[in-house]
Amino acid sequence: MAALTVLGMEQHPTGLTIREHMTLQFAGLHWKWPGARETAIRDVFGESATRYSQRLVVLIDRPEALAAYPTTVRRLQRLRDSRAAQRTGRAAP
């Protein structure tokens, strides 16, 4: 395996970068306290929770992400779709 870079942008055999793997693994975690997730995002990824969420939304639509983390990606897609349906006032698919 290639050495991990500071930015975590090297390609992994799955087609995802190491940073993308870390993002999906992090998304699979559950948090007990309010604010703990946001603090961890800042510490681990060095970015705001908003930017992390933006990257995650794009990432969960990639087939490579679904192949590597099917349970996590499907759960996140369901949550996204449910929230979108609530915003538009229609039933979730």
PDB file of N, CA and C in Angstrom:
ATOM      1  N   MET A   1       0.852  -1.175   0.000  1.00  0.00           N
ATOM      2  CA  MET A   1       0.000   0.000   0.000  1.00  0.00           C
ATOM      3  C   MET A   1       0.895   1.236   0.000  1.00  0.00           C
ATOM      4  N   ALA A   2       0.449   2.258  -0.700  1.00  0.00           N
ATOM      5  CA  ALA A   2       1.208   3.503  -0.768  1.00  0.00           C
ATOM      6  C   ALA A   2       1.214   4.184   0.594  1.00  0.00           C
ATOM      7  N   ALA A   3       2.228   4.983   0.819  1.00  0.00           N
ATOM      8  CA  ALA A   3       2.337   5.709   2.089  1.00  0.00           C
ATOM      9  C   ALA A   3       1.225   6.741   2.193  1.00  0.00           C
ATOM     10  N   LEU A   4       0.752   6.952   3.394  1.00  0.00           N
ATOM     11  CA  LEU A   4      -0.308   7.927   3.651  1.00  0.00           C
ATOM     12  C   LEU A   4       0.268   9.327   3.541  1.00  0.00           C
ATOM     13  N   THR A   5      -0.377  10.179   2.756  1.00  0.00           N
ATOM     14  CA  THR A   5       0.079  11.562   2.639  1.00  0.00           C
ATOM     15  C   THR A   5      -0.597  12.402   3.696  1.00  0.00           C
ATOM     16  N   VAL A   6      -0.121  13.604   3.876  1.00  0.00           N
ATOM     17  CA  VAL A   6      -0.706  14.512   4.853  1.00  0.00           C
ATOM     18  C   VAL A   6      -2.155  14.808   4.498  1.00  0.00           C
ATOM     19  N   LEU A   7      -2.453  14.964   3.220  1.00  0.00           N
ATOM     20  CA  LEU A   7      -3.814  15.284   2.796  1.00  0.00           C
ATOM     21  C   LEU A   7      -4.681  14.039   2.661  1.00  0.00           C
ATOM     22  N   GLY A   8      -4.082  12.859   2.677  1.00  0.00           N
ATOM     23  CA  GLY A   8      -4.867  11.632   2.568  1.00  0.00           C
ATOM     24  C   GLY A   8      -5.494  11.458   1.208  1.00  0.00           C
ATOM     25  N   MET A   9      -4.839  11.918   0.159  1.00  0.00           N
ATOM     26  CA  MET A   9      -5.448  11.913  -1.157  1.00  0.00           C
ATOM     27  C   MET A   9      -4.966  10.775  -2.057  1.00  0.00           C
ATOM     28  N   GLU A  10      -4.094   9.923  -1.556  1.00  0.00           N
ATOM     29  CA  GLU A  10      -3.627   8.824  -2.385  1.00  0.00           C
ATOM     30  C   GLU A  10      -4.761   7.839  -2.650  1.00  0.00           C
ATOM     31  N   GLN A  11      -4.726   7.226  -3.814  1.00  0.00           N
ATOM     32  CA  GLN A  11      -5.788   6.322  -4.242  1.00  0.00           C
ATOM     33  C   GLN A  11      -5.614   4.953  -3.595  1.00  0.00           C
ATOM     34  N   HIS A  12      -6.683   4.389  -3.144  1.00  0.00           N
ATOM     35  CA  HIS A  12      -6.728   3.059  -2.545  1.00  0.00           C
ATOM     36  C   HIS A  12      -7.237   2.104  -3.630  1.00  0.00           C
ATOM     37  N   PRO A  13      -6.954   0.827  -3.575  1.00  0.00           N
ATOM     38  CA  PRO A  13      -7.412  -0.103  -4.612  1.00  0.00           C
ATOM     39  C   PRO A  13      -8.924  -0.111  -4.834  1.00  0.00           C
ATOM     40  N   THR A  14      -9.714   0.348  -3.883  1.00  0.00           N
ATOM     41  CA  THR A  14     -11.168   0.356  -4.044  1.00  0.00           C
ATOM     42  C   THR A  14     -11.652   1.489  -4.932  1.00  0.00           C
ATOM     43  N   GLY A  15     -10.751   2.406  -5.297  1.00  0.00           N
ATOM     44  CA  GLY A  15     -11.152   3.558  -6.092  1.00  0.00           C
ATOM     45  C   GLY A  15     -11.440   4.777  -5.239  1.00  0.00           C
ATOM     46  N   LEU A  16     -11.373   4.620  -3.939  1.00  0.00           N
ATOM     47  CA  LEU A  16     -11.573   5.736  -3.012  1.00  0.00           C
ATOM     48  C   LEU A  16     -10.220   6.155  -2.454  1.00  0.00           C
ATOM     49  N   THR A  17     -10.092   7.432  -2.132  1.00  0.00           N
ATOM     50  CA  THR A  17      -8.868   7.880  -1.478  1.00  0.00           C
ATOM     51  C   THR A  17      -8.908   7.443  -0.017  1.00  0.00           C
ATOM     52  N   ILE A  18      -7.774   7.510   0.624  1.00  0.00           N
ATOM     53  CA  ILE A  18      -7.714   7.156   2.042  1.00  0.00           C
ATOM     54  C   ILE A  18      -8.589   8.107   2.847  1.00  0.00           C
ATOM     55  N   ARG A  19      -8.585   9.379   2.481  1.00  0.00           N
ATOM     56  CA  ARG A  19      -9.434  10.367   3.164  1.00  0.00           C
ATOM     57  C   ARG A  19     -10.918  10.024   3.000  1.00  0.00           C
ATOM     58  N   GLU A  20     -11.300   9.539   1.829  1.00  0.00           N
ATOM     59  CA  GLU A  20     -12.696   9.135   1.605  1.00  0.00           C
ATOM     60  C   GLU A  20     -13.052   7.923   2.452  1.00  0.00           C
ATOM     61  N   HIS A  21     -12.121   6.984   2.578  1.00  0.00           N
ATOM     62  CA  HIS A  21     -12.349   5.841   3.475  1.00  0.00           C
ATOM     63  C   HIS A  21     -12.543   6.329   4.908  1.00  0.00           C
ATOM     64  N   MET A  22     -11.678   7.238   5.339  1.00  0.00           N
ATOM     65  CA  MET A  22     -11.783   7.778   6.698  1.00  0.00           C
ATOM     66  C   MET A  22     -13.122   8.488   6.894  1.00  0.00           C
ATOM     67  N   THR A  23     -13.559   9.223   5.883  1.00  0.00           N
ATOM     68  CA  THR A  23     -14.831   9.947   5.953  1.00  0.00           C
ATOM     69  C   THR A  23     -15.994   8.979   6.132  1.00  0.00           C
ATOM     70  N   LEU A  24     -16.011   7.914   5.371  1.00  0.00           N
ATOM     71  CA  LEU A  24     -17.098   6.934   5.469  1.00  0.00           C
ATOM     72  C   LEU A  24     -17.041   6.150   6.781  1.00  0.00           C
ATOM     73  N   GLN A  25     -15.858   5.817   7.234  1.00  0.00           N
ATOM     74  CA  GLN A  25     -15.736   5.132   8.523  1.00  0.00           C
ATOM     75  C   GLN A  25     -16.214   6.045   9.647  1.00  0.00           C
ATOM     76  N   PHE A  26     -15.840   7.308   9.584  1.00  0.00           N
ATOM     77  CA  PHE A  26     -16.250   8.288  10.590  1.00  0.00           C
ATOM     78  C   PHE A  26     -17.772   8.448  10.575  1.00  0.00           C
ATOM     79  N   ALA A  27     -18.366   8.448   9.381  1.00  0.00           N
ATOM     80  CA  ALA A  27     -19.821   8.608   9.249  1.00  0.00           C
ATOM     81  C   ALA A  27     -20.575   7.437   9.885  1.00  0.00           C
ATOM     82  N   GLY A  28     -19.919   6.296   9.996  1.00  0.00           N
ATOM     83  CA  GLY A  28     -20.551   5.128  10.598  1.00  0.00           C
ATOM     84  C   GLY A  28     -20.553   5.131  12.116  1.00  0.00           C
ATOM     85  N   LEU A  29     -19.853   6.089  12.717  1.00  0.00           N
ATOM     86  CA  LEU A  29     -19.800   6.175  14.175  1.00  0.00           C
ATOM     87  C   LEU A  29     -21.062   6.818  14.734  1.00  0.00           C
ATOM     88  N   HIS A  30     -21.349   6.539  15.994  1.00  0.00           N
ATOM     89  CA  HIS A  30     -22.505   7.124  16.673  1.00  0.00           C
ATOM     90  C   HIS A  30     -22.000   7.976  17.832  1.00  0.00           C
ATOM     91  N   TRP A  31     -22.643   9.106  18.059  1.00  0.00           N
ATOM     92  CA  TRP A  31     -22.187  10.078  19.046  1.00  0.00           C
ATOM     93  C   TRP A  31     -23.190  10.216  20.170  1.00  0.00           C
ATOM     94  N   LYS A  32     -22.688  10.257  21.406  1.00  0.00           N
ATOM     95  CA  LYS A  32     -23.550  10.335  22.585  1.00  0.00           C
ATOM     96  C   LYS A  32     -23.837  11.767  23.020  1.00  0.00           C
ATOM     97  N   TRP A  33     -22.874  12.673  22.820  1.00  0.00           N
ATOM     98  CA  TRP A  33     -23.021  14.030  23.356  1.00  0.00           C
ATOM     99  C   TRP A  33     -23.141  15.047  22.236  1.00  0.00           C
ATOM    100  N   PRO A  34     -23.975  16.058  22.437  1.00  0.00           N
ATOM    101  CA  PRO A  34     -24.087  17.129  21.443  1.00  0.00           C
ATOM    102  C   PRO A  34     -22.747  17.843  21.280  1.00  0.00           C
ATOM    103  N   GLY A  35     -22.373  18.104  20.063  1.00  0.00           N
ATOM    104  CA  GLY A  35     -21.133  18.806  19.794  1.00  0.00           C
ATOM    105  C   GLY A  35     -19.913  17.918  19.684  1.00  0.00           C
ATOM    106  N   ALA A  36     -20.002  16.674  20.135  1.00  0.00           N
ATOM    107  CA  ALA A  36     -18.843  15.776  20.096  1.00  0.00           C
ATOM    108  C   ALA A  36     -18.451  15.473  18.654  1.00  0.00           C
ATOM    109  N   ARG A  37     -19.440  15.263  17.797  1.00  0.00           N
ATOM    110  CA  ARG A  37     -19.165  14.964  16.392  1.00  0.00           C
ATOM    111  C   ARG A  37     -18.478  16.143  15.708  1.00  0.00           C
ATOM    112  N   GLU A  38     -18.974  17.348  15.934  1.00  0.00           N
ATOM    113  CA  GLU A  38     -18.410  18.537  15.302  1.00  0.00           C
ATOM    114  C   GLU A  38     -16.966  18.761  15.754  1.00  0.00           C
ATOM    115  N   THR A  39     -16.718  18.557  17.042  1.00  0.00           N
ATOM    116  CA  THR A  39     -15.362  18.708  17.573  1.00  0.00           C
ATOM    117  C   THR A  39     -14.437  17.662  16.964  1.00  0.00           C
ATOM    118  N   ALA A  40     -14.912  16.434  16.854  1.00  0.00           N
ATOM    119  CA  ALA A  40     -14.105  15.363  16.274  1.00  0.00           C
ATOM    120  C   ALA A  40     -13.821  15.629  14.794  1.00  0.00           C
ATOM    121  N   ILE A  41     -14.791  16.153  14.070  1.00  0.00           N
ATOM    122  CA  ILE A  41     -14.582  16.485  12.656  1.00  0.00           C
ATOM    123  C   ILE A  41     -13.462  17.513  12.528  1.00  0.00           C
ATOM    124  N   ARG A  42     -13.517  18.536  13.348  1.00  0.00           N
ATOM    125  CA  ARG A  42     -12.486  19.581  13.305  1.00  0.00           C
ATOM    126  C   ARG A  42     -11.117  18.979  13.641  1.00  0.00           C
ATOM    127  N   ASP A  43     -11.058  18.102  14.654  1.00  0.00           N
ATOM    128  CA  ASP A  43      -9.790  17.506  15.074  1.00  0.00           C
ATOM    129  C   ASP A  43      -9.231  16.519  14.042  1.00  0.00           C
ATOM    130  N   VAL A  44     -10.094  15.676  13.491  1.00  0.00           N
ATOM    131  CA  VAL A  44      -9.643  14.612  12.591  1.00  0.00           C
ATOM    132  C   VAL A  44      -9.414  15.123  11.168  1.00  0.00           C
ATOM    133  N   PHE A  45     -10.362  15.909  10.659  1.00  0.00           N
ATOM    134  CA  PHE A  45     -10.304  16.321   9.259  1.00  0.00           C
ATOM    135  C   PHE A  45      -9.822  17.758   9.061  1.00  0.00           C
ATOM    136  N   GLY A  46      -9.777  18.536  10.131  1.00  0.00           N
ATOM    137  CA  GLY A  46      -9.315  19.906  10.018  1.00  0.00           C
ATOM    138  C   GLY A  46     -10.236  20.784   9.200  1.00  0.00           C
ATOM    139  N   GLU A  47     -11.525  20.517   9.282  1.00  0.00           N
ATOM    140  CA  GLU A  47     -12.507  21.302   8.531  1.00  0.00           C
ATOM    141  C   GLU A  47     -13.783  21.430   9.340  1.00  0.00           C
ATOM    142  N   SER A  48     -14.667  22.293   8.905  1.00  0.00           N
ATOM    143  CA  SER A  48     -15.923  22.486   9.613  1.00  0.00           C
ATOM    144  C   SER A  48     -16.852  21.293   9.371  1.00  0.00           C
ATOM    145  N   ALA A  49     -17.826  21.149  10.246  1.00  0.00           N
ATOM    146  CA  ALA A  49     -18.816  20.076  10.083  1.00  0.00           C
ATOM    147  C   ALA A  49     -19.622  20.277   8.799  1.00  0.00           C
ATOM    148  N   THR A  50     -19.841  21.534   8.423  1.00  0.00           N
ATOM    149  CA  THR A  50     -20.570  21.825   7.189  1.00  0.00           C
ATOM    150  C   THR A  50     -19.804  21.318   5.979  1.00  0.00           C
ATOM    151  N   ARG A  51     -18.514  21.609   5.918  1.00  0.00           N
ATOM    152  CA  ARG A  51     -17.697  21.162   4.781  1.00  0.00           C
ATOM    153  C   ARG A  51     -17.610  19.641   4.752  1.00  0.00           C
ATOM    154  N   TYR A  52     -17.456  19.015   5.909  1.00  0.00           N
ATOM    155  CA  TYR A  52     -17.433  17.549   5.994  1.00  0.00           C
ATOM    156  C   TYR A  52     -18.736  16.970   5.438  1.00  0.00           C
ATOM    157  N   SER A  53     -19.860  17.543   5.839  1.00  0.00           N
ATOM    158  CA  SER A  53     -21.163  17.059   5.384  1.00  0.00           C
ATOM    159  C   SER A  53     -21.329  17.237   3.881  1.00  0.00           C
ATOM    160  N   GLN A  54     -20.834  18.333   3.342  1.00  0.00           N
ATOM    161  CA  GLN A  54     -20.901  18.557   1.894  1.00  0.00           C
ATOM    162  C   GLN A  54     -20.118  17.481   1.149  1.00  0.00           C
ATOM    163  N   ARG A  55     -18.922  17.167   1.644  1.00  0.00           N
ATOM    164  CA  ARG A  55     -18.121  16.117   1.008  1.00  0.00           C
ATOM    165  C   ARG A  55     -18.805  14.763   1.119  1.00  0.00           C
ATOM    166  N   LEU A  56     -19.413  14.495   2.272  1.00  0.00           N
ATOM    167  CA  LEU A  56     -20.063  13.216   2.509  1.00  0.00           C
ATOM    168  C   LEU A  56     -21.263  13.021   1.588  1.00  0.00           C
ATOM    169  N   VAL A  57     -22.053  14.066   1.383  1.00  0.00           N
ATOM    170  CA  VAL A  57     -23.240  13.980   0.516  1.00  0.00           C
ATOM    171  C   VAL A  57     -22.834  13.589  -0.906  1.00  0.00           C
ATOM    172  N   VAL A  58     -21.750  14.156  -1.396  1.00  0.00           N
ATOM    173  CA  VAL A  58     -21.258  13.808  -2.737  1.00  0.00           C
ATOM    174  C   VAL A  58     -20.718  12.389  -2.735  1.00  0.00           C
ATOM    175  N   LEU A  59     -20.004  12.039  -1.702  1.00  0.00           N
ATOM    176  CA  LEU A  59     -19.357  10.735  -1.611  1.00  0.00           C
ATOM    177  C   LEU A  59     -20.354   9.579  -1.582  1.00  0.00           C
ATOM    178  N   ILE A  60     -21.468   9.725  -0.894  1.00  0.00           N
ATOM    179  CA  ILE A  60     -22.406   8.591  -0.763  1.00  0.00           C
ATOM    180  C   ILE A  60     -23.140   8.272  -2.064  1.00  0.00           C
ATOM    181  N   ASP A  61     -22.998   9.122  -3.074  1.00  0.00           N
ATOM    182  CA  ASP A  61     -23.601   8.822  -4.374  1.00  0.00           C
ATOM    183  C   ASP A  61     -22.641   8.099  -5.313  1.00  0.00           C
ATOM    184  N   ARG A  62     -21.421   7.876  -4.863  1.00  0.00           N
ATOM    185  CA  ARG A  62     -20.445   7.182  -5.704  1.00  0.00           C
ATOM    186  C   ARG A  62     -20.572   5.673  -5.545  1.00  0.00           C
ATOM    187  N   PRO A  63     -20.563   4.941  -6.662  1.00  0.00           N
ATOM    188  CA  PRO A  63     -20.661   3.476  -6.593  1.00  0.00           C
ATOM    189  C   PRO A  63     -19.531   2.835  -5.799  1.00  0.00           C
ATOM    190  N   GLU A  64     -18.346   3.445  -5.824  1.00  0.00           N
ATOM    191  CA  GLU A  64     -17.206   2.894  -5.076  1.00  0.00           C
ATOM    192  C   GLU A  64     -17.480   2.941  -3.569  1.00  0.00           C
ATOM    193  N   ALA A  65     -18.134   3.992  -3.132  1.00  0.00           N
ATOM    194  CA  ALA A  65     -18.467   4.120  -1.707  1.00  0.00           C
ATOM    195  C   ALA A  65     -19.491   3.060  -1.307  1.00  0.00           C
ATOM    196  N   LEU A  66     -20.493   2.867  -2.151  1.00  0.00           N
ATOM    197  CA  LEU A  66     -21.511   1.854  -1.871  1.00  0.00           C
ATOM    198  C   LEU A  66     -20.891   0.461  -1.828  1.00  0.00           C
ATOM    199  N   ALA A  67     -19.954   0.186  -2.733  1.00  0.00           N
ATOM    200  CA  ALA A  67     -19.302  -1.126  -2.760  1.00  0.00           C
ATOM    201  C   ALA A  67     -18.440  -1.348  -1.521  1.00  0.00           C
ATOM    202  N   ALA A  68     -17.771  -0.297  -1.055  1.00  0.00           N
ATOM    203  CA  ALA A  68     -16.859  -0.445   0.084  1.00  0.00           C
ATOM    204  C   ALA A  68     -17.576  -0.441   1.431  1.00  0.00           C
ATOM    205  N   TYR A  69     -18.654   0.354   1.553  1.00  0.00           N
ATOM    206  CA  TYR A  69     -19.363   0.517   2.834  1.00  0.00           C
ATOM    207  C   TYR A  69     -20.877   0.477   2.592  1.00  0.00           C
ATOM    208  N   PRO A  70     -21.414  -0.653   2.158  1.00  0.00           N
ATOM    209  CA  PRO A  70     -22.825  -0.694   1.755  1.00  0.00           C
ATOM    210  C   PRO A  70     -23.811  -0.319   2.865  1.00  0.00           C
ATOM    211  N   THR A  71     -23.607  -0.799   4.063  1.00  0.00           N
ATOM    212  CA  THR A  71     -24.540  -0.515   5.153  1.00  0.00           C
ATOM    213  C   THR A  71     -24.534   0.965   5.512  1.00  0.00           C
ATOM    214  N   THR A  72     -23.366   1.522   5.670  1.00  0.00           N
ATOM    215  CA  THR A  72     -23.242   2.937   6.034  1.00  0.00           C
ATOM    216  C   THR A  72     -23.801   3.833   4.933  1.00  0.00           C
ATOM    217  N   VAL A  73     -23.437   3.551   3.687  1.00  0.00           N
ATOM    218  CA  VAL A  73     -23.878   4.394   2.576  1.00  0.00           C
ATOM    219  C   VAL A  73     -25.389   4.323   2.413  1.00  0.00           C
ATOM    220  N   ARG A  74     -25.964   3.143   2.480  1.00  0.00           N
ATOM    221  CA  ARG A  74     -27.430   3.035   2.354  1.00  0.00           C
ATOM    222  C   ARG A  74     -28.149   3.768   3.485  1.00  0.00           C
ATOM    223  N   ARG A  75     -27.630   3.667   4.699  1.00  0.00           N
ATOM    224  CA  ARG A  75     -28.236   4.370   5.832  1.00  0.00           C
ATOM    225  C   ARG A  75     -28.178   5.877   5.610  1.00  0.00           C
ATOM    226  N   LEU A  76     -27.037   6.371   5.174  1.00  0.00           N
ATOM    227  CA  LEU A  76     -26.892   7.804   4.931  1.00  0.00           C
ATOM    228  C   LEU A  76     -27.775   8.279   3.778  1.00  0.00           C
ATOM    229  N   GLN A  77     -27.912   7.455   2.747  1.00  0.00           N
ATOM    230  CA  GLN A  77     -28.803   7.807   1.635  1.00  0.00           C
ATOM    231  C   GLN A  77     -30.259   7.868   2.102  1.00  0.00           C
ATOM    232  N   ARG A  78     -30.660   6.915   2.951  1.00  0.00           N
ATOM    233  CA  ARG A  78     -32.034   6.936   3.484  1.00  0.00           C
ATOM    234  C   ARG A  78     -32.280   8.183   4.323  1.00  0.00           C
ATOM    235  N   LEU A  79     -31.315   8.529   5.176  1.00  0.00           N
ATOM    236  CA  LEU A  79     -31.440   9.735   5.995  1.00  0.00           C
ATOM    237  C   LEU A  79     -31.550  10.979   5.121  1.00  0.00           C
ATOM    238  N   ARG A  80     -30.697  11.074   4.120  1.00  0.00           N
ATOM    239  CA  ARG A  80     -30.728  12.220   3.209  1.00  0.00           C
ATOM    240  C   ARG A  80     -32.072  12.317   2.491  1.00  0.00           C
ATOM    241  N   ASP A  81     -32.544  11.189   1.976  1.00  0.00           N
ATOM    242  CA  ASP A  81     -33.811  11.183   1.250  1.00  0.00           C
ATOM    243  C   ASP A  81     -34.984  11.520   2.162  1.00  0.00           C
ATOM    244  N   SER A  82     -34.948  11.023   3.396  1.00  0.00           N
ATOM    245  CA  SER A  82     -36.002  11.307   4.354  1.00  0.00           C
ATOM    246  C   SER A  82     -36.040  12.790   4.703  1.00  0.00           C
ATOM    247  N   ARG A  83     -34.874  13.382   4.917  1.00  0.00           N
ATOM    248  CA  ARG A  83     -34.808  14.815   5.236  1.00  0.00           C
ATOM    249  C   ARG A  83     -35.267  15.666   4.058  1.00  0.00           C
ATOM    250  N   ALA A  84     -34.899  15.263   2.851  1.00  0.00           N
ATOM    251  CA  ALA A  84     -35.329  16.003   1.659  1.00  0.00           C
ATOM    252  C   ALA A  84     -36.847  15.933   1.516  1.00  0.00           C
ATOM    253  N   ALA A  85     -37.422  14.771   1.801  1.00  0.00           N
ATOM    254  CA  ALA A  85     -38.867  14.614   1.709  1.00  0.00           C
ATOM    255  C   ALA A  85     -39.577  15.465   2.752  1.00  0.00           C
ATOM    256  N   GLN A  86     -39.023  15.561   3.944  1.00  0.00           N
ATOM    257  CA  GLN A  86     -39.611  16.406   5.000  1.00  0.00           C
ATOM    258  C   GLN A  86     -39.580  17.868   4.595  1.00  0.00           C
ATOM    259  N   ARG A  87     -38.490  18.300   3.957  1.00  0.00           N
ATOM    260  CA  ARG A  87     -38.384  19.704   3.546  1.00  0.00           C
ATOM    261  C   ARG A  87     -39.401  20.053   2.478  1.00  0.00           C
ATOM    262  N   THR A  88     -39.696  19.109   1.601  1.00  0.00           N
ATOM    263  CA  THR A  88     -40.634  19.396   0.514  1.00  0.00           C
ATOM    264  C   THR A  88     -42.067  19.028   0.880  1.00  0.00           C
ATOM    265  N   GLY A  89     -42.260  18.416   2.042  1.00  0.00           N
ATOM    266  CA  GLY A  89     -43.607  18.080   2.512  1.00  0.00           C
ATOM    267  C   GLY A  89     -44.226  16.869   1.851  1.00  0.00           C
ATOM    268  N   ARG A  90     -43.403  15.985   1.323  1.00  0.00           N
ATOM    269  CA  ARG A  90     -43.938  14.764   0.718  1.00  0.00           C
ATOM    270  C   ARG A  90     -43.410  13.539   1.454  1.00  0.00           C
ATOM    271  N   ALA A  91     -44.010  12.401   1.163  1.00  0.00           N
ATOM    272  CA  ALA A  91     -43.618  11.160   1.823  1.00  0.00           C
ATOM    273  C   ALA A  91     -42.255  10.702   1.319  1.00  0.00           C
ATOM    274  N   ALA A  92     -41.476  10.107   2.198  1.00  0.00           N
ATOM    275  CA  ALA A  92     -40.173   9.573   1.831  1.00  0.00           C
ATOM    276  C   ALA A  92     -40.362   8.362   0.934  1.00  0.00           C
ATOM    277  N   PRO A  93     -39.447   8.167  -0.033  1.00  0.00           N
ATOM    278  CA  PRO A  93     -39.585   7.006  -0.940  1.00  0.00           C
ATOM    279  C   PRO A  93     -39.385   5.693  -0.246  1.00  0.00           C
TER     280      PRO A  93
END
